[in-house]
């Protein structure tokens, strides 16, 4: 399930993927120069299929494109960025020590 279409639902402040009548999403909070990623939800039927990772890649790419630093307070997002050094450059410097990166 690597090819999913991710949309930015600005009204709900989240990146979304529609899956067979269900919605997976990664919430975000924008502040000047920062995007916080506090919560990610994937319907049980789609867990383990790369949907959350696709949302993470999208969120970090969005931050890079917009010149934002990421504060990954969501447990999944924090774990994801630890495993992806190519995304470390967009992590907020104040979070790096806590994340161990």
N, C-alpha and C. Protein backbone atom coordinates (compact mmCIF):
# COMPACT_ATOMS: atom_id res chain seq x y z
N UNK A 1 0.84 -1.18 0.00
CA UNK A 1 0.00 0.00 0.00
C UNK A 1 0.88 1.24 0.00
N UNK A 2 1.93 1.23 -0.75
CA UNK A 2 2.84 2.37 -0.78
C UNK A 2 2.24 3.58 -1.47
N UNK A 3 1.38 3.38 -2.44
CA UNK A 3 0.80 4.49 -3.20
C UNK A 3 -0.55 4.90 -2.63
N UNK A 4 -0.54 5.90 -1.77
CA UNK A 4 -1.78 6.44 -1.23
C UNK A 4 -1.81 7.93 -1.55
N UNK A 5 -2.99 8.46 -1.67
CA UNK A 5 -3.15 9.89 -1.92
C UNK A 5 -3.41 10.59 -0.59
N UNK A 6 -2.55 11.53 -0.27
CA UNK A 6 -2.66 12.25 0.99
C UNK A 6 -3.15 13.66 0.69
N UNK A 7 -4.16 14.07 1.42
CA UNK A 7 -4.70 15.42 1.27
C UNK A 7 -4.49 16.20 2.56
N UNK A 8 -4.47 17.51 2.43
CA UNK A 8 -4.33 18.39 3.59
C UNK A 8 -5.71 18.95 3.91
N UNK A 9 -6.31 18.45 4.98
CA UNK A 9 -7.60 18.95 5.44
C UNK A 9 -7.30 20.11 6.40
N UNK A 10 -7.16 21.31 5.85
CA UNK A 10 -6.79 22.47 6.65
C UNK A 10 -7.85 22.82 7.69
N UNK A 11 -9.11 22.53 7.38
CA UNK A 11 -10.18 22.82 8.33
C UNK A 11 -10.08 22.00 9.60
N UNK A 12 -9.53 20.80 9.49
CA UNK A 12 -9.36 19.93 10.66
C UNK A 12 -7.91 19.83 11.08
N UNK A 13 -7.03 20.56 10.40
CA UNK A 13 -5.59 20.56 10.69
C UNK A 13 -5.01 19.15 10.73
N UNK A 14 -5.18 18.46 9.60
CA UNK A 14 -4.61 17.12 9.53
C UNK A 14 -4.40 16.68 8.09
N UNK A 15 -3.40 15.83 7.92
CA UNK A 15 -3.15 15.19 6.64
C UNK A 15 -3.96 13.90 6.65
N UNK A 16 -4.66 13.62 5.55
CA UNK A 16 -5.59 12.49 5.53
C UNK A 16 -5.36 11.57 4.33
N UNK A 17 -5.71 10.31 4.57
CA UNK A 17 -5.76 9.29 3.52
C UNK A 17 -7.11 8.61 3.64
N UNK A 18 -7.86 8.57 2.54
CA UNK A 18 -9.15 7.86 2.53
C UNK A 18 -8.90 6.43 2.07
N UNK A 19 -9.40 5.47 2.86
CA UNK A 19 -9.18 4.05 2.59
C UNK A 19 -10.47 3.27 2.73
N UNK A 20 -11.06 2.92 1.61
CA UNK A 20 -12.25 2.06 1.62
C UNK A 20 -13.30 2.52 2.64
N UNK A 21 -13.61 3.80 2.61
CA UNK A 21 -14.62 4.34 3.51
C UNK A 21 -14.12 4.72 4.88
N UNK A 22 -12.83 4.54 5.13
CA UNK A 22 -12.21 4.92 6.41
C UNK A 22 -11.20 6.03 6.16
N UNK A 23 -10.83 6.73 7.20
CA UNK A 23 -9.84 7.80 7.08
C UNK A 23 -8.71 7.58 8.07
N UNK A 24 -7.50 7.58 7.55
CA UNK A 24 -6.30 7.61 8.38
C UNK A 24 -5.82 9.06 8.37
N UNK A 25 -5.22 9.50 9.47
CA UNK A 25 -4.79 10.90 9.50
C UNK A 25 -3.65 11.14 10.47
N UNK A 26 -2.95 12.24 10.21
CA UNK A 26 -1.92 12.76 11.11
C UNK A 26 -2.31 14.20 11.40
N UNK A 27 -2.63 14.47 12.65
CA UNK A 27 -2.98 15.83 13.05
C UNK A 27 -1.73 16.70 13.10
N UNK A 28 -1.94 17.98 12.88
CA UNK A 28 -0.84 18.92 13.02
C UNK A 28 -1.33 20.21 13.67
N UNK A 29 -0.38 20.93 14.26
CA UNK A 29 -0.63 22.26 14.82
C UNK A 29 0.46 23.17 14.28
N UNK A 30 0.05 24.22 13.62
CA UNK A 30 1.00 25.18 13.06
C UNK A 30 1.22 26.34 14.02
N UNK A 31 2.48 26.68 14.19
CA UNK A 31 2.90 27.87 14.92
C UNK A 31 3.96 28.54 14.06
N UNK A 32 4.29 29.78 14.32
CA UNK A 32 5.30 30.43 13.49
C UNK A 32 6.60 29.60 13.43
N UNK A 33 6.93 29.16 12.24
CA UNK A 33 8.17 28.41 12.02
C UNK A 33 8.16 26.95 12.44
N UNK A 34 7.02 26.48 12.95
CA UNK A 34 6.96 25.12 13.53
C UNK A 34 5.67 24.41 13.12
N UNK A 35 5.79 23.09 12.92
CA UNK A 35 4.62 22.23 12.79
C UNK A 35 4.77 21.13 13.84
N UNK A 36 3.79 21.05 14.72
CA UNK A 36 3.77 19.99 15.73
C UNK A 36 2.90 18.86 15.19
N UNK A 37 3.36 17.63 15.39
CA UNK A 37 2.62 16.44 14.96
C UNK A 37 2.21 15.67 16.21
N UNK A 38 1.00 15.94 16.76
CA UNK A 38 0.62 15.37 18.04
C UNK A 38 -0.09 14.02 18.01
N UNK A 39 -0.65 13.63 16.86
CA UNK A 39 -1.49 12.43 16.90
C UNK A 39 -1.64 11.83 15.50
N UNK A 40 -1.52 10.52 15.40
CA UNK A 40 -1.69 9.80 14.14
C UNK A 40 -2.67 8.66 14.38
N UNK A 41 -3.62 8.50 13.46
CA UNK A 41 -4.62 7.43 13.58
C UNK A 41 -4.71 6.68 12.25
N UNK A 42 -4.63 5.35 12.34
CA UNK A 42 -4.81 4.49 11.18
C UNK A 42 -5.85 3.44 11.56
N UNK A 43 -6.90 3.28 10.74
CA UNK A 43 -7.90 2.26 11.05
C UNK A 43 -7.25 0.88 11.18
N UNK A 44 -7.71 0.06 12.13
CA UNK A 44 -7.09 -1.24 12.38
C UNK A 44 -6.90 -2.10 11.12
N UNK A 45 -7.82 -2.05 10.19
CA UNK A 45 -7.71 -2.88 8.98
C UNK A 45 -6.51 -2.49 8.12
N UNK A 46 -5.95 -1.29 8.33
CA UNK A 46 -4.84 -0.82 7.51
C UNK A 46 -3.54 -0.68 8.28
N UNK A 47 -3.51 -1.11 9.54
CA UNK A 47 -2.29 -1.05 10.33
C UNK A 47 -1.26 -2.01 9.73
N UNK A 48 -0.01 -1.61 9.79
CA UNK A 48 1.07 -2.46 9.30
C UNK A 48 1.22 -2.47 7.79
N UNK A 49 0.53 -1.57 7.10
CA UNK A 49 0.58 -1.55 5.63
C UNK A 49 1.26 -0.30 5.08
N UNK A 50 1.94 0.42 5.95
CA UNK A 50 2.70 1.58 5.50
C UNK A 50 1.94 2.88 5.43
N UNK A 51 0.69 2.88 5.88
CA UNK A 51 -0.12 4.10 5.79
C UNK A 51 0.42 5.18 6.73
N UNK A 52 0.71 4.84 7.96
CA UNK A 52 1.24 5.83 8.90
C UNK A 52 2.60 6.34 8.44
N UNK A 53 3.42 5.47 7.88
CA UNK A 53 4.72 5.91 7.36
C UNK A 53 4.55 6.87 6.19
N UNK A 54 3.56 6.62 5.34
CA UNK A 54 3.28 7.53 4.22
C UNK A 54 2.86 8.90 4.76
N UNK A 55 2.05 8.90 5.81
CA UNK A 55 1.64 10.16 6.43
C UNK A 55 2.85 10.89 7.02
N UNK A 56 3.75 10.14 7.65
CA UNK A 56 4.96 10.75 8.22
C UNK A 56 5.83 11.35 7.12
N UNK A 57 6.09 10.59 6.06
CA UNK A 57 6.89 11.12 4.96
C UNK A 57 6.28 12.41 4.41
N UNK A 58 4.97 12.40 4.27
CA UNK A 58 4.28 13.58 3.75
C UNK A 58 4.43 14.77 4.71
N UNK A 59 4.22 14.54 5.99
CA UNK A 59 4.30 15.63 6.98
C UNK A 59 5.70 16.23 7.03
N UNK A 60 6.73 15.39 7.00
CA UNK A 60 8.09 15.91 7.04
C UNK A 60 8.46 16.61 5.74
N UNK A 61 7.98 16.11 4.61
CA UNK A 61 8.21 16.78 3.33
C UNK A 61 7.51 18.13 3.30
N UNK A 62 6.30 18.18 3.84
CA UNK A 62 5.54 19.43 3.93
C UNK A 62 6.34 20.45 4.75
N UNK A 63 6.86 20.00 5.89
CA UNK A 63 7.64 20.90 6.74
C UNK A 63 8.86 21.43 5.99
N UNK A 64 9.56 20.55 5.31
CA UNK A 64 10.74 20.97 4.55
C UNK A 64 10.36 21.99 3.47
N UNK A 65 9.29 21.70 2.74
CA UNK A 65 8.83 22.58 1.67
C UNK A 65 8.45 23.96 2.18
N UNK A 66 7.84 24.01 3.37
CA UNK A 66 7.36 25.27 3.94
C UNK A 66 8.39 25.96 4.83
N UNK A 67 9.56 25.33 5.01
CA UNK A 67 10.59 25.92 5.86
C UNK A 67 10.26 25.86 7.34
N UNK A 68 9.52 24.83 7.74
CA UNK A 68 9.11 24.66 9.14
C UNK A 68 9.99 23.63 9.84
N UNK A 69 10.08 23.75 11.15
CA UNK A 69 10.73 22.73 11.98
C UNK A 69 9.63 21.86 12.58
N UNK A 70 9.91 20.57 12.70
CA UNK A 70 8.93 19.61 13.19
C UNK A 70 9.13 19.32 14.67
N UNK A 71 8.02 19.33 15.41
CA UNK A 71 7.99 18.89 16.80
C UNK A 71 7.11 17.63 16.81
N UNK A 72 7.74 16.44 16.80
CA UNK A 72 6.98 15.20 16.72
C UNK A 72 6.57 14.69 18.10
N UNK A 73 5.46 15.20 18.63
CA UNK A 73 5.01 14.77 19.95
C UNK A 73 4.22 13.47 19.90
N UNK A 74 3.74 13.09 18.74
CA UNK A 74 3.07 11.80 18.55
C UNK A 74 4.12 10.69 18.69
N UNK A 75 3.79 9.65 19.43
CA UNK A 75 4.72 8.54 19.64
C UNK A 75 5.15 7.92 18.31
N UNK A 76 4.20 7.74 17.40
CA UNK A 76 4.56 7.15 16.11
C UNK A 76 5.52 8.05 15.35
N UNK A 77 5.21 9.34 15.26
CA UNK A 77 6.05 10.28 14.51
C UNK A 77 7.45 10.38 15.11
N UNK A 78 7.53 10.38 16.42
CA UNK A 78 8.84 10.42 17.09
C UNK A 78 9.64 9.17 16.75
N UNK A 79 9.00 8.02 16.80
CA UNK A 79 9.67 6.76 16.46
C UNK A 79 10.07 6.72 15.00
N UNK A 80 9.20 7.24 14.14
CA UNK A 80 9.49 7.23 12.70
C UNK A 80 10.73 8.06 12.40
N UNK A 81 10.79 9.27 12.94
CA UNK A 81 11.92 10.14 12.61
C UNK A 81 13.24 9.59 13.17
N UNK A 82 13.20 8.88 14.27
CA UNK A 82 14.42 8.26 14.80
C UNK A 82 15.01 7.28 13.78
N UNK A 83 14.16 6.61 13.02
CA UNK A 83 14.59 5.60 12.05
C UNK A 83 14.91 6.21 10.68
N UNK A 84 14.69 7.50 10.50
CA UNK A 84 14.87 8.14 9.19
C UNK A 84 15.78 9.36 9.30
N UNK A 85 17.08 9.13 9.29
CA UNK A 85 18.02 10.25 9.44
C UNK A 85 17.89 11.31 8.36
N UNK A 86 17.32 10.95 7.21
CA UNK A 86 17.14 11.94 6.15
C UNK A 86 16.14 13.02 6.54
N UNK A 87 15.39 12.81 7.62
CA UNK A 87 14.41 13.78 8.09
C UNK A 87 14.89 14.55 9.33
N UNK A 88 16.05 14.20 9.85
CA UNK A 88 16.54 14.84 11.08
C UNK A 88 16.74 16.34 10.93
N UNK A 89 17.05 16.79 9.72
CA UNK A 89 17.34 18.20 9.53
C UNK A 89 16.12 19.10 9.74
N UNK A 90 14.92 18.56 9.65
CA UNK A 90 13.73 19.39 9.84
C UNK A 90 13.15 19.27 11.26
N UNK A 91 13.77 18.46 12.10
CA UNK A 91 13.31 18.35 13.49
C UNK A 91 13.74 19.59 14.26
N UNK A 92 12.83 20.13 15.05
CA UNK A 92 13.14 21.29 15.89
C UNK A 92 14.33 20.96 16.78
N UNK A 93 15.34 21.85 16.81
CA UNK A 93 16.53 21.58 17.61
C UNK A 93 16.24 21.27 19.07
N UNK A 94 15.19 21.86 19.63
CA UNK A 94 14.85 21.62 21.02
C UNK A 94 14.34 20.22 21.29
N UNK A 95 14.01 19.48 20.25
CA UNK A 95 13.49 18.12 20.40
C UNK A 95 14.55 17.05 20.18
N UNK A 96 15.65 17.42 19.54
CA UNK A 96 16.62 16.43 19.12
C UNK A 96 17.22 15.63 20.27
N UNK A 97 17.55 16.29 21.36
CA UNK A 97 18.16 15.59 22.49
C UNK A 97 17.16 14.59 23.09
N UNK A 98 15.93 15.02 23.24
CA UNK A 98 14.89 14.14 23.79
C UNK A 98 14.67 12.92 22.89
N UNK A 99 14.76 13.12 21.58
CA UNK A 99 14.57 12.03 20.63
C UNK A 99 15.82 11.17 20.47
N UNK A 100 16.96 11.69 20.93
CA UNK A 100 18.20 10.96 20.80
C UNK A 100 18.75 10.99 19.38
N UNK A 101 18.52 12.10 18.70
CA UNK A 101 19.04 12.23 17.32
C UNK A 101 19.97 13.43 17.20
